Every structure is written in structure tokens, then in C-alpha cells.
Amino acid sequence: MFRKHYPKIDAFDYENGCEILKICPQDIGLLPRENWTYGNNSFLLHGYYNYHCLILVRLDNPRGRARFLLGVPGHYFSNEKYMASMFGFPHFVLSKKQPLDNGRFGYWYTDVRLGQ
């Protein structure tokens, strides 16, 4: 359902292929119930209000089920790393497009289950 209604973006590359969709915090309510807590997550809301997007990612896996990620835009700084991890987004991937003033922009992310 998400594929039909949400814009695709080219945020980063993944060796086995991926699909990245731009979503909003209210769209989290369309995910399985176990993910709804992210809708009120302070770190996620802070990232959304600063950058006006979140990402929902489907990573292809040639040997099994796809992996799904929920990503929050931000910069890779030690204080942001601490906050991201504290709020459940422990991983980071650099974005393909970097701002001129700082080359550490990307997405803090966590795995989500979509109950395939």
C-alpha cells in the first residue's frame, strides 16, 4: 500500500537493492501496532520538524525476507548519536547528497516489522 501512495526518494545505495519512501509521523499509524510508539518518539519528531521527512525503507534480501527500516534525518555528531540511540535509532547511514557545509548528513534508523 505504501508504494502506491508515497513518493520514492534516492537517499542512499544498498548493494542488494532497496526502495525508500518519504513518509510523515502520522503515517506510522498505518504500520502494525507494535510500531505505533514511534509516532510519539521525541527524537523522530525533532528530526521530522527540522527536515520535513522520515523514510520507510525496504531492503531486498536475495536469501530471504526483506528487511524494513524507519529512518530519521540528521547529522552524525556524538551528541546526536547519543540521543538517537537513547530514543531507539542506534544505526546511521550517510545520505548520497551532502550539504556543502557538512558532509555527515544521513539517516538514523531502526528495524521495524511489517508482519509480512
PDB file of N, CA and C in Angstrom:
ATOM      1  N   MET A   1       0.818  -1.191   0.000  1.00  0.00           N
ATOM      2  CA  MET A   1       0.000   0.000   0.000  1.00  0.00           C
ATOM      3  C   MET A   1       0.869   1.265   0.000  1.00  0.00           C
ATOM      4  N   PHE A   2       1.926   1.263   0.782  1.00  0.00           N
ATOM      5  CA  PHE A   2       2.783   2.442   0.853  1.00  0.00           C
ATOM      6  C   PHE A   2       3.366   2.801  -0.511  1.00  0.00           C
ATOM      7  N   ARG A   3       3.750   1.798  -1.285  1.00  0.00           N
ATOM      8  CA  ARG A   3       4.368   2.042  -2.598  1.00  0.00           C
ATOM      9  C   ARG A   3       3.497   2.892  -3.511  1.00  0.00           C
ATOM     10  N   LYS A   4       2.197   2.715  -3.436  1.00  0.00           N
ATOM     11  CA  LYS A   4       1.277   3.421  -4.333  1.00  0.00           C
ATOM     12  C   LYS A   4       1.054   4.870  -3.936  1.00  0.00           C
ATOM     13  N   HIS A   5       1.210   5.180  -2.642  1.00  0.00           N
ATOM     14  CA  HIS A   5       0.778   6.482  -2.154  1.00  0.00           C
ATOM     15  C   HIS A   5       1.888   7.417  -1.679  1.00  0.00           C
ATOM     16  N   TYR A   6       3.109   6.937  -1.614  1.00  0.00           N
ATOM     17  CA  TYR A   6       4.182   7.749  -1.054  1.00  0.00           C
ATOM     18  C   TYR A   6       5.312   7.916  -2.061  1.00  0.00           C
ATOM     19  N   PRO A   7       5.905   9.111  -2.089  1.00  0.00           N
ATOM     20  CA  PRO A   7       6.986   9.355  -3.056  1.00  0.00           C
ATOM     21  C   PRO A   7       8.245   8.561  -2.717  1.00  0.00           C
ATOM     22  N   LYS A   8       8.886   8.078  -3.779  1.00  0.00           N
ATOM     23  CA  LYS A   8      10.167   7.392  -3.627  1.00  0.00           C
ATOM     24  C   LYS A   8      11.272   8.437  -3.646  1.00  0.00           C
ATOM     25  N   ILE A   9      12.306   8.200  -2.840  1.00  0.00           N
ATOM     26  CA  ILE A   9      13.468   9.090  -2.855  1.00  0.00           C
ATOM     27  C   ILE A   9      14.721   8.233  -2.989  1.00  0.00           C
ATOM     28  N   ASP A  10      15.783   8.875  -3.397  1.00  0.00           N
ATOM     29  CA  ASP A  10      17.064   8.200  -3.607  1.00  0.00           C
ATOM     30  C   ASP A  10      18.031   8.672  -2.530  1.00  0.00           C
ATOM     31  N   ALA A  11      17.826   8.218  -1.293  1.00  0.00           N
ATOM     32  CA  ALA A  11      18.593   8.724  -0.159  1.00  0.00           C
ATOM     33  C   ALA A  11      19.970   8.084  -0.027  1.00  0.00           C
ATOM     34  N   PHE A  12      20.064   6.771  -0.301  1.00  0.00           N
ATOM     35  CA  PHE A  12      21.336   6.070  -0.180  1.00  0.00           C
ATOM     36  C   PHE A  12      21.274   4.810  -1.034  1.00  0.00           C
ATOM     37  N   ASP A  13      22.438   4.217  -1.268  1.00  0.00           N
ATOM     38  CA  ASP A  13      22.522   2.982  -2.041  1.00  0.00           C
ATOM     39  C   ASP A  13      22.620   1.783  -1.113  1.00  0.00           C
ATOM     40  N   TYR A  14      22.116   0.667  -1.607  1.00  0.00           N
ATOM     41  CA  TYR A  14      22.207  -0.596  -0.879  1.00  0.00           C
ATOM     42  C   TYR A  14      22.556  -1.662  -1.901  1.00  0.00           C
ATOM     43  N   GLU A  15      23.549  -2.448  -1.597  1.00  0.00           N
ATOM     44  CA  GLU A  15      24.109  -3.419  -2.529  1.00  0.00           C
ATOM     45  C   GLU A  15      23.063  -4.340  -3.170  1.00  0.00           C
ATOM     46  N   ASN A  16      22.111  -4.833  -2.393  1.00  0.00           N
ATOM     47  CA  ASN A  16      21.122  -5.777  -2.909  1.00  0.00           C
ATOM     48  C   ASN A  16      19.847  -5.110  -3.405  1.00  0.00           C
ATOM     49  N   GLY A  17      19.823  -3.800  -3.438  1.00  0.00           N
ATOM     50  CA  GLY A  17      18.647  -3.070  -3.903  1.00  0.00           C
ATOM     51  C   GLY A  17      17.747  -2.672  -2.749  1.00  0.00           C
ATOM     52  N   CYS A  18      17.115  -1.511  -2.903  1.00  0.00           N
ATOM     53  CA  CYS A  18      16.209  -1.055  -1.863  1.00  0.00           C
ATOM     54  C   CYS A  18      15.182  -0.095  -2.451  1.00  0.00           C
ATOM     55  N   GLU A  19      14.148   0.114  -1.694  1.00  0.00           N
ATOM     56  CA  GLU A  19      13.116   1.079  -2.046  1.00  0.00           C
ATOM     57  C   GLU A  19      12.939   1.989  -0.836  1.00  0.00           C
ATOM     58  N   ILE A  20      13.034   3.295  -1.049  1.00  0.00           N
ATOM     59  CA  ILE A  20      12.970   4.265   0.036  1.00  0.00           C
ATOM     60  C   ILE A  20      11.794   5.198  -0.218  1.00  0.00           C
ATOM     61  N   LEU A  21      10.883   5.254   0.746  1.00  0.00           N
ATOM     62  CA  LEU A  21       9.694   6.090   0.628  1.00  0.00           C
ATOM     63  C   LEU A  21       9.743   7.210   1.663  1.00  0.00           C
ATOM     64  N   LYS A  22       9.272   8.372   1.265  1.00  0.00           N
ATOM     65  CA  LYS A  22       9.196   9.527   2.154  1.00  0.00           C
ATOM     66  C   LYS A  22       7.835   9.486   2.858  1.00  0.00           C
ATOM     67  N   ILE A  23       7.864   9.486   4.204  1.00  0.00           N
ATOM     68  CA  ILE A  23       6.624   9.438   4.969  1.00  0.00           C
ATOM     69  C   ILE A  23       6.608  10.545   6.019  1.00  0.00           C
ATOM     70  N   CYS A  24       5.494  10.662   6.748  1.00  0.00           N
ATOM     71  CA  CYS A  24       5.306  11.631   7.827  1.00  0.00           C
ATOM     72  C   CYS A  24       5.014  10.878   9.127  1.00  0.00           C
ATOM     73  N   PRO A  25       5.128  11.541  10.272  1.00  0.00           N
ATOM     74  CA  PRO A  25       4.854  10.852  11.536  1.00  0.00           C
ATOM     75  C   PRO A  25       3.464  10.218  11.613  1.00  0.00           C
ATOM     76  N   GLN A  26       2.443  10.880  11.069  1.00  0.00           N
ATOM     77  CA  GLN A  26       1.093  10.320  11.142  1.00  0.00           C
ATOM     78  C   GLN A  26       0.954   9.027  10.340  1.00  0.00           C
ATOM     79  N   ASP A  27       1.854   8.785   9.385  1.00  0.00           N
ATOM     80  CA  ASP A  27       1.820   7.555   8.596  1.00  0.00           C
ATOM     81  C   ASP A  27       2.235   6.334   9.414  1.00  0.00           C
ATOM     82  N   ILE A  28       2.896   6.556  10.528  1.00  0.00           N
ATOM     83  CA  ILE A  28       3.313   5.445  11.383  1.00  0.00           C
ATOM     84  C   ILE A  28       2.093   4.676  11.883  1.00  0.00           C
ATOM     85  N   GLY A  29       0.962   5.352  12.008  1.00  0.00           N
ATOM     86  CA  GLY A  29      -0.279   4.702  12.411  1.00  0.00           C
ATOM     87  C   GLY A  29      -0.773   3.669  11.420  1.00  0.00           C
ATOM     88  N   LEU A  30      -0.247   3.683  10.199  1.00  0.00           N
ATOM     89  CA  LEU A  30      -0.616   2.696   9.181  1.00  0.00           C
ATOM     90  C   LEU A  30       0.236   1.431   9.282  1.00  0.00           C
ATOM     91  N   LEU A  31       1.306   1.491  10.069  1.00  0.00           N
ATOM     92  CA  LEU A  31       2.169   0.328  10.282  1.00  0.00           C
ATOM     93  C   LEU A  31       1.527  -0.575  11.335  1.00  0.00           C
ATOM     94  N   PRO A  32       1.999  -1.810  11.479  1.00  0.00           N
ATOM     95  CA  PRO A  32       1.475  -2.670  12.547  1.00  0.00           C
ATOM     96  C   PRO A  32       1.602  -1.996  13.917  1.00  0.00           C
ATOM     97  N   ARG A  33       0.685  -2.325  14.792  1.00  0.00           N
ATOM     98  CA  ARG A  33       0.549  -1.679  16.104  1.00  0.00           C
ATOM     99  C   ARG A  33       1.859  -1.612  16.896  1.00  0.00           C
ATOM    100  N   GLU A  34       2.697  -2.632  16.794  1.00  0.00           N
ATOM    101  CA  GLU A  34       3.939  -2.648  17.578  1.00  0.00           C
ATOM    102  C   GLU A  34       4.861  -1.474  17.243  1.00  0.00           C
ATOM    103  N   ASN A  35       4.626  -0.802  16.116  1.00  0.00           N
ATOM    104  CA  ASN A  35       5.455   0.332  15.693  1.00  0.00           C
ATOM    105  C   ASN A  35       4.856   1.687  16.055  1.00  0.00           C
ATOM    106  N   TRP A  36       3.660   1.711  16.585  1.00  0.00           N
ATOM    107  CA  TRP A  36       2.964   2.974  16.826  1.00  0.00           C
ATOM    108  C   TRP A  36       3.671   3.880  17.818  1.00  0.00           C
ATOM    109  N   THR A  37       4.458   3.307  18.722  1.00  0.00           N
ATOM    110  CA  THR A  37       5.142   4.146  19.711  1.00  0.00           C
ATOM    111  C   THR A  37       6.101   5.135  19.043  1.00  0.00           C
ATOM    112  N   TYR A  38       6.577   4.810  17.863  1.00  0.00           N
ATOM    113  CA  TYR A  38       7.468   5.738  17.162  1.00  0.00           C
ATOM    114  C   TYR A  38       6.748   7.031  16.778  1.00  0.00           C
ATOM    115  N   GLY A  39       5.432   6.998  16.687  1.00  0.00           N
ATOM    116  CA  GLY A  39       4.662   8.189  16.328  1.00  0.00           C
ATOM    117  C   GLY A  39       4.776   9.310  17.349  1.00  0.00           C
ATOM    118  N   ASN A  40       5.097   8.974  18.601  1.00  0.00           N
ATOM    119  CA  ASN A  40       5.274   9.980  19.653  1.00  0.00           C
ATOM    120  C   ASN A  40       6.721  10.072  20.125  1.00  0.00           C
ATOM    121  N   ASN A  41       7.636   9.525  19.368  1.00  0.00           N
ATOM    122  CA  ASN A  41       9.041   9.497  19.734  1.00  0.00           C
ATOM    123  C   ASN A  41       9.639  10.900  19.559  1.00  0.00           C
ATOM    124  N   SER A  42      10.186  11.453  20.636  1.00  0.00           N
ATOM    125  CA  SER A  42      10.713  12.829  20.600  1.00  0.00           C
ATOM    126  C   SER A  42      11.826  13.013  19.581  1.00  0.00           C
ATOM    127  N   PHE A  43      12.716  12.034  19.466  1.00  0.00           N
ATOM    128  CA  PHE A  43      13.814  12.145  18.505  1.00  0.00           C
ATOM    129  C   PHE A  43      13.272  12.144  17.077  1.00  0.00           C
ATOM    130  N   LEU A  44      12.335  11.259  16.795  1.00  0.00           N
ATOM    131  CA  LEU A  44      11.727  11.184  15.466  1.00  0.00           C
ATOM    132  C   LEU A  44      11.012  12.492  15.130  1.00  0.00           C
ATOM    133  N   LEU A  45      10.239  13.010  16.058  1.00  0.00           N
ATOM    134  CA  LEU A  45       9.501  14.255  15.802  1.00  0.00           C
ATOM    135  C   LEU A  45      10.446  15.435  15.611  1.00  0.00           C
ATOM    136  N   HIS A  46      11.524  15.474  16.384  1.00  0.00           N
ATOM    137  CA  HIS A  46      12.527  16.532  16.228  1.00  0.00           C
ATOM    138  C   HIS A  46      13.151  16.482  14.827  1.00  0.00           C
ATOM    139  N   GLY A  47      13.532  15.280  14.381  1.00  0.00           N
ATOM    140  CA  GLY A  47      14.095  15.127  13.039  1.00  0.00           C
ATOM    141  C   GLY A  47      13.102  15.502  11.956  1.00  0.00           C
ATOM    142  N   TYR A  48      11.854  15.112  12.143  1.00  0.00           N
ATOM    143  CA  TYR A  48      10.829  15.436  11.150  1.00  0.00           C
ATOM    144  C   TYR A  48      10.622  16.949  11.051  1.00  0.00           C
ATOM    145  N   TYR A  49      10.506  17.625  12.184  1.00  0.00           N
ATOM    146  CA  TYR A  49      10.249  19.067  12.143  1.00  0.00           C
ATOM    147  C   TYR A  49      11.444  19.857  11.639  1.00  0.00           C
ATOM    148  N   ASN A  50      12.640  19.327  11.751  1.00  0.00           N
ATOM    149  CA  ASN A  50      13.821  20.002  11.197  1.00  0.00           C
ATOM    150  C   ASN A  50      13.994  19.762   9.702  1.00  0.00           C
ATOM    151  N   TYR A  51      13.633  18.565   9.224  1.00  0.00           N
ATOM    152  CA  TYR A  51      13.921  18.197   7.831  1.00  0.00           C
ATOM    153  C   TYR A  51      12.688  17.851   7.004  1.00  0.00           C
ATOM    154  N   HIS A  52      11.519  17.854   7.621  1.00  0.00           N
ATOM    155  CA  HIS A  52      10.236  17.670   6.940  1.00  0.00           C
ATOM    156  C   HIS A  52      10.072  16.333   6.222  1.00  0.00           C
ATOM    157  N   CYS A  53      10.720  15.296   6.733  1.00  0.00           N
ATOM    158  CA  CYS A  53      10.501  13.963   6.182  1.00  0.00           C
ATOM    159  C   CYS A  53      11.023  12.897   7.124  1.00  0.00           C
ATOM    160  N   LEU A  54      10.517  11.715   6.931  1.00  0.00           N
ATOM    161  CA  LEU A  54      11.019  10.482   7.530  1.00  0.00           C
ATOM    162  C   LEU A  54      11.141   9.520   6.368  1.00  0.00           C
ATOM    163  N   ILE A  55      11.837   8.413   6.558  1.00  0.00           N
ATOM    164  CA  ILE A  55      11.895   7.424   5.481  1.00  0.00           C
ATOM    165  C   ILE A  55      11.473   6.054   5.995  1.00  0.00           C
ATOM    166  N   LEU A  56      10.799   5.343   5.115  1.00  0.00           N
ATOM    167  CA  LEU A  56      10.470   3.941   5.329  1.00  0.00           C
ATOM    168  C   LEU A  56      11.198   3.190   4.226  1.00  0.00           C
ATOM    169  N   VAL A  57      12.031   2.241   4.611  1.00  0.00           N
ATOM    170  CA  VAL A  57      12.939   1.588   3.667  1.00  0.00           C
ATOM    171  C   VAL A  57      12.672   0.093   3.612  1.00  0.00           C
ATOM    172  N   ARG A  58      12.662  -0.428   2.403  1.00  0.00           N
ATOM    173  CA  ARG A  58      12.597  -1.871   2.191  1.00  0.00           C
ATOM    174  C   ARG A  58      13.927  -2.294   1.580  1.00  0.00           C
ATOM    175  N   LEU A  59      14.689  -3.091   2.328  1.00  0.00           N
ATOM    176  CA  LEU A  59      15.974  -3.596   1.849  1.00  0.00           C
ATOM    177  C   LEU A  59      15.757  -5.011   1.327  1.00  0.00           C
ATOM    178  N   ASP A  60      16.093  -5.235   0.083  1.00  0.00           N
ATOM    179  CA  ASP A  60      15.942  -6.560  -0.502  1.00  0.00           C
ATOM    180  C   ASP A  60      16.971  -7.519   0.070  1.00  0.00           C
ATOM    181  N   ASN A  61      16.573  -8.769   0.188  1.00  0.00           N
ATOM    182  CA  ASN A  61      17.452  -9.815   0.689  1.00  0.00           C
ATOM    183  C   ASN A  61      17.318 -11.010  -0.249  1.00  0.00           C
ATOM    184  N   PRO A  62      18.325 -11.265  -1.086  1.00  0.00           N
ATOM    185  CA  PRO A  62      18.213 -12.363  -2.049  1.00  0.00           C
ATOM    186  C   PRO A  62      18.096 -13.743  -1.397  1.00  0.00           C
ATOM    187  N   ARG A  63      18.443 -13.847  -0.131  1.00  0.00           N
ATOM    188  CA  ARG A  63      18.403 -15.152   0.552  1.00  0.00           C
ATOM    189  C   ARG A  63      17.229 -15.312   1.515  1.00  0.00           C
ATOM    190  N   GLY A  64      16.314 -14.367   1.524  1.00  0.00           N
ATOM    191  CA  GLY A  64      15.209 -14.480   2.481  1.00  0.00           C
ATOM    192  C   GLY A  64      14.289 -13.282   2.434  1.00  0.00           C
ATOM    193  N   ARG A  65      13.687 -13.025   3.569  1.00  0.00           N
ATOM    194  CA  ARG A  65      12.725 -11.938   3.676  1.00  0.00           C
ATOM    195  C   ARG A  65      13.398 -10.569   3.612  1.00  0.00           C
ATOM    196  N   ALA A  66      12.652  -9.613   3.108  1.00  0.00           N
ATOM    197  CA  ALA A  66      13.133  -8.237   3.068  1.00  0.00           C
ATOM    198  C   ALA A  66      13.223  -7.689   4.493  1.00  0.00           C
ATOM    199  N   ARG A  67      14.056  -6.685   4.657  1.00  0.00           N
ATOM    200  CA  ARG A  67      14.224  -6.002   5.942  1.00  0.00           C
ATOM    201  C   ARG A  67      13.620  -4.610   5.783  1.00  0.00           C
ATOM    202  N   PHE A  68      12.937  -4.128   6.819  1.00  0.00           N
ATOM    203  CA  PHE A  68      12.311  -2.814   6.765  1.00  0.00           C
ATOM    204  C   PHE A  68      12.909  -1.918   7.835  1.00  0.00           C
ATOM    205  N   LEU A  69      13.134  -0.661   7.464  1.00  0.00           N
ATOM    206  CA  LEU A  69      13.741   0.311   8.368  1.00  0.00           C
ATOM    207  C   LEU A  69      12.882   1.562   8.440  1.00  0.00           C
ATOM    208  N   LEU A  70      12.894   2.205   9.584  1.00  0.00           N
ATOM    209  CA  LEU A  70      12.294   3.515   9.763  1.00  0.00           C
ATOM    210  C   LEU A  70      13.453   4.462  10.031  1.00  0.00           C
ATOM    211  N   GLY A  71      13.558   5.518   9.227  1.00  0.00           N
ATOM    212  CA  GLY A  71      14.695   6.419   9.332  1.00  0.00           C
ATOM    213  C   GLY A  71      14.315   7.857   9.629  1.00  0.00           C
ATOM    214  N   VAL A  72      15.188   8.515  10.391  1.00  0.00           N
ATOM    215  CA  VAL A  72      15.019   9.913  10.794  1.00  0.00           C
ATOM    216  C   VAL A  72      16.226  10.692  10.288  1.00  0.00           C
ATOM    217  N   PRO A  73      16.014  11.766   9.538  1.00  0.00           N
ATOM    218  CA  PRO A  73      17.153  12.538   9.044  1.00  0.00           C
ATOM    219  C   PRO A  73      17.891  13.252  10.168  1.00  0.00           C
ATOM    220  N   GLY A  74      19.207  13.380   9.980  1.00  0.00           N
ATOM    221  CA  GLY A  74      20.019  14.074  10.971  1.00  0.00           C
ATOM    222  C   GLY A  74      21.483  14.057  10.592  1.00  0.00           C
ATOM    223  N   HIS A  75      22.306  14.540  11.483  1.00  0.00           N
ATOM    224  CA  HIS A  75      23.751  14.586  11.267  1.00  0.00           C
ATOM    225  C   HIS A  75      24.456  13.631  12.216  1.00  0.00           C
ATOM    226  N   TYR A  76      25.580  13.136  11.776  1.00  0.00           N
ATOM    227  CA  TYR A  76      26.369  12.221  12.597  1.00  0.00           C
ATOM    228  C   TYR A  76      27.319  13.020  13.476  1.00  0.00           C
ATOM    229  N   PHE A  77      26.833  13.391  14.640  1.00  0.00           N
ATOM    230  CA  PHE A  77      27.631  14.049  15.662  1.00  0.00           C
ATOM    231  C   PHE A  77      27.490  13.227  16.931  1.00  0.00           C
ATOM    232  N   SER A  78      28.468  13.290  17.825  1.00  0.00           N
ATOM    233  CA  SER A  78      28.427  12.444  19.020  1.00  0.00           C
ATOM    234  C   SER A  78      27.202  12.719  19.889  1.00  0.00           C
ATOM    235  N   ASN A  79      26.812  13.997  20.049  1.00  0.00           N
ATOM    236  CA  ASN A  79      25.628  14.271  20.872  1.00  0.00           C
ATOM    237  C   ASN A  79      24.358  13.752  20.209  1.00  0.00           C
ATOM    238  N   GLU A  80      24.271  13.829  18.897  1.00  0.00           N
ATOM    239  CA  GLU A  80      23.090  13.314  18.196  1.00  0.00           C
ATOM    240  C   GLU A  80      23.095  11.788  18.205  1.00  0.00           C
ATOM    241  N   LYS A  81      24.269  11.196  18.125  1.00  0.00           N
ATOM    242  CA  LYS A  81      24.378   9.736  18.198  1.00  0.00           C
ATOM    243  C   LYS A  81      23.840   9.239  19.540  1.00  0.00           C
ATOM    244  N   TYR A  82      24.202   9.920  20.594  1.00  0.00           N
ATOM    245  CA  TYR A  82      23.729   9.553  21.925  1.00  0.00           C
ATOM    246  C   TYR A  82      22.202   9.640  22.007  1.00  0.00           C
ATOM    247  N   MET A  83      21.635  10.744  21.539  1.00  0.00           N
ATOM    248  CA  MET A  83      20.183  10.933  21.590  1.00  0.00           C
ATOM    249  C   MET A  83      19.460   9.931  20.697  1.00  0.00           C
ATOM    250  N   ALA A  84      19.983   9.714  19.497  1.00  0.00           N
ATOM    251  CA  ALA A  84      19.357   8.766  18.572  1.00  0.00           C
ATOM    252  C   ALA A  84      19.290   7.376  19.197  1.00  0.00           C
ATOM    253  N   SER A  85      20.370   6.954  19.775  1.00  0.00           N
ATOM    254  CA  SER A  85      20.436   5.639  20.395  1.00  0.00           C
ATOM    255  C   SER A  85      19.490   5.548  21.593  1.00  0.00           C
ATOM    256  N   MET A  86      19.457   6.591  22.387  1.00  0.00           N
ATOM    257  CA  MET A  86      18.595   6.630  23.561  1.00  0.00           C
ATOM    258  C   MET A  86      17.113   6.514  23.174  1.00  0.00           C
ATOM    259  N   PHE A  87      16.743   7.041  22.002  1.00  0.00           N
ATOM    260  CA  PHE A  87      15.355   7.021  21.556  1.00  0.00           C
ATOM    261  C   PHE A  87      15.050   5.892  20.565  1.00  0.00           C
ATOM    262  N   GLY A  88      15.986   4.936  20.420  1.00  0.00           N
ATOM    263  CA  GLY A  88      15.690   3.745  19.637  1.00  0.00           C
ATOM    264  C   GLY A  88      16.146   3.747  18.195  1.00  0.00           C
ATOM    265  N   PHE A  89      17.022   4.676  17.818  1.00  0.00           N
ATOM    266  CA  PHE A  89      17.551   4.745  16.454  1.00  0.00           C
ATOM    267  C   PHE A  89      19.079   4.625  16.509  1.00  0.00           C
ATOM    268  N   PRO A  90      19.588   3.431  16.764  1.00  0.00           N
ATOM    269  CA  PRO A  90      21.018   3.262  17.031  1.00  0.00           C
ATOM    270  C   PRO A  90      21.932   3.228  15.814  1.00  0.00           C
ATOM    271  N   HIS A  91      21.377   3.124  14.619  1.00  0.00           N
ATOM    272  CA  HIS A  91      22.195   2.967  13.413  1.00  0.00           C
ATOM    273  C   HIS A  91      22.132   4.223  12.549  1.00  0.00           C
ATOM    274  N   PHE A  92      23.171   4.405  11.724  1.00  0.00           N
ATOM    275  CA  PHE A  92      23.248   5.588  10.870  1.00  0.00           C
ATOM    276  C   PHE A  92      23.752   5.198   9.488  1.00  0.00           C
ATOM    277  N   VAL A  93      23.179   5.826   8.469  1.00  0.00           N
ATOM    278  CA  VAL A  93      23.659   5.660   7.099  1.00  0.00           C
ATOM    279  C   VAL A  93      23.796   7.058   6.483  1.00  0.00           C
ATOM    280  N   LEU A  94      24.925   7.291   5.813  1.00  0.00           N
ATOM    281  CA  LEU A  94      25.136   8.581   5.149  1.00  0.00           C
ATOM    282  C   LEU A  94      24.228   8.719   3.938  1.00  0.00           C
ATOM    283  N   SER A  95      23.754   9.924   3.732  1.00  0.00           N
ATOM    284  CA  SER A  95      22.932  10.232   2.567  1.00  0.00           C
ATOM    285  C   SER A  95      23.821  10.411   1.340  1.00  0.00           C
ATOM    286  N   LYS A  96      23.267  10.115   0.165  1.00  0.00           N
ATOM    287  CA  LYS A  96      24.005  10.333  -1.083  1.00  0.00           C
ATOM    288  C   LYS A  96      24.307  11.809  -1.279  1.00  0.00           C
ATOM    289  N   LYS A  97      23.338  12.653  -0.970  1.00  0.00           N
ATOM    290  CA  LYS A  97      23.504  14.096  -1.134  1.00  0.00           C
ATOM    291  C   LYS A  97      23.902  14.693   0.201  1.00  0.00           C
ATOM    292  N   GLN A  98      25.023  15.404   0.190  1.00  0.00           N
ATOM    293  CA  GLN A  98      25.546  16.019   1.401  1.00  0.00           C
ATOM    294  C   GLN A  98      25.469  17.543   1.299  1.00  0.00           C
ATOM    295  N   PRO A  99      25.122  18.221   2.384  1.00  0.00           N
ATOM    296  CA  PRO A  99      25.156  19.684   2.374  1.00  0.00           C
ATOM    297  C   PRO A  99      26.589  20.175   2.204  1.00  0.00           C
ATOM    298  N   LEU A 100      26.752  21.320   1.621  1.00  0.00           N
ATOM    299  CA  LEU A 100      28.085  21.852   1.361  1.00  0.00           C
ATOM    300  C   LEU A 100      28.861  22.139   2.641  1.00  0.00           C
ATOM    301  N   ASP A 101      28.178  22.549   3.695  1.00  0.00           N
ATOM    302  CA  ASP A 101      28.867  22.937   4.918  1.00  0.00           C
ATOM    303  C   ASP A 101      29.238  21.766   5.830  1.00  0.00           C
ATOM    304  N   ASN A 102      28.623  20.590   5.607  1.00  0.00           N
ATOM    305  CA  ASN A 102      28.905  19.459   6.485  1.00  0.00           C
ATOM    306  C   ASN A 102      28.633  18.157   5.750  1.00  0.00           C
ATOM    307  N   GLY A 103      29.610  17.286   5.694  1.00  0.00           N
ATOM    308  CA  GLY A 103      29.462  16.036   4.961  1.00  0.00           C
ATOM    309  C   GLY A 103      28.994  14.863   5.780  1.00  0.00           C
ATOM    310  N   ARG A 104      28.297  15.102   6.889  1.00  0.00           N
ATOM    311  CA  ARG A 104      27.873  13.986   7.729  1.00  0.00           C
ATOM    312  C   ARG A 104      26.360  13.924   7.881  1.00  0.00           C
ATOM    313  N   PHE A 105      25.639  14.262   6.842  1.00  0.00           N
ATOM    314  CA  PHE A 105      24.175  14.191   6.883  1.00  0.00           C
ATOM    315  C   PHE A 105      23.725  12.801   6.441  1.00  0.00           C
ATOM    316  N   GLY A 106      22.698  12.291   7.087  1.00  0.00           N
ATOM    317  CA  GLY A 106      22.162  10.985   6.722  1.00  0.00           C
ATOM    318  C   GLY A 106      20.919  10.672   7.508  1.00  0.00           C
ATOM    319  N   TYR A 107      20.734   9.395   7.814  1.00  0.00           N
ATOM    320  CA  TYR A 107      19.525   8.933   8.482  1.00  0.00           C
ATOM    321  C   TYR A 107      19.871   8.005   9.641  1.00  0.00           C
ATOM    322  N   TRP A 108      19.328   8.322  10.806  1.00  0.00           N
ATOM    323  CA  TRP A 108      19.367   7.432  11.959  1.00  0.00           C
ATOM    324  C   TRP A 108      18.232   6.459  11.760  1.00  0.00           C
ATOM    325  N   TYR A 109      18.458   5.176  11.961  1.00  0.00           N
ATOM    326  CA  TYR A 109      17.388   4.224  11.654  1.00  0.00           C
ATOM    327  C   TYR A 109      17.305   3.083  12.645  1.00  0.00           C
ATOM    328  N   THR A 110      16.151   2.433  12.590  1.00  0.00           N
ATOM    329  CA  THR A 110      15.887   1.239  13.372  1.00  0.00           C
ATOM    330  C   THR A 110      15.109   0.267  12.504  1.00  0.00           C
ATOM    331  N   ASP A 111      15.205  -1.008  12.815  1.00  0.00           N
ATOM    332  CA  ASP A 111      14.429  -2.018  12.108  1.00  0.00           C
ATOM    333  C   ASP A 111      12.977  -1.977  12.603  1.00  0.00           C
ATOM    334  N   VAL A 112      12.050  -2.174  11.673  1.00  0.00           N
ATOM    335  CA  VAL A 112      10.644  -2.315  12.018  1.00  0.00           C
ATOM    336  C   VAL A 112      10.109  -3.573  11.354  1.00  0.00           C
ATOM    337  N   ARG A 113       9.112  -4.163  11.995  1.00  0.00           N
ATOM    338  CA  ARG A 113       8.475  -5.338  11.414  1.00  0.00           C
ATOM    339  C   ARG A 113       7.170  -4.930  10.766  1.00  0.00           C
ATOM    340  N   LEU A 114       6.958  -5.399   9.560  1.00  0.00           N
ATOM    341  CA  LEU A 114       5.721  -5.068   8.866  1.00  0.00           C
ATOM    342  C   LEU A 114       4.807  -6.273   8.745  1.00  0.00           C
ATOM    343  N   GLY A 115       5.129  -7.353   9.426  1.00  0.00           N
ATOM    344  CA  GLY A 115       4.250  -8.513   9.500  1.00  0.00           C
ATOM    345  C   GLY A 115       3.877  -9.121   8.169  1.00  0.00           C
ATOM    346  N   GLN A 116       4.866  -9.430   7.355  1.00  0.00           N
ATOM    347  CA  GLN A 116       4.615  -9.986   6.022  1.00  0.00           C
ATOM    348  C   GLN A 116       3.880 -11.276   6.155  1.00  0.00           C
TER     349      GLN A 116
END
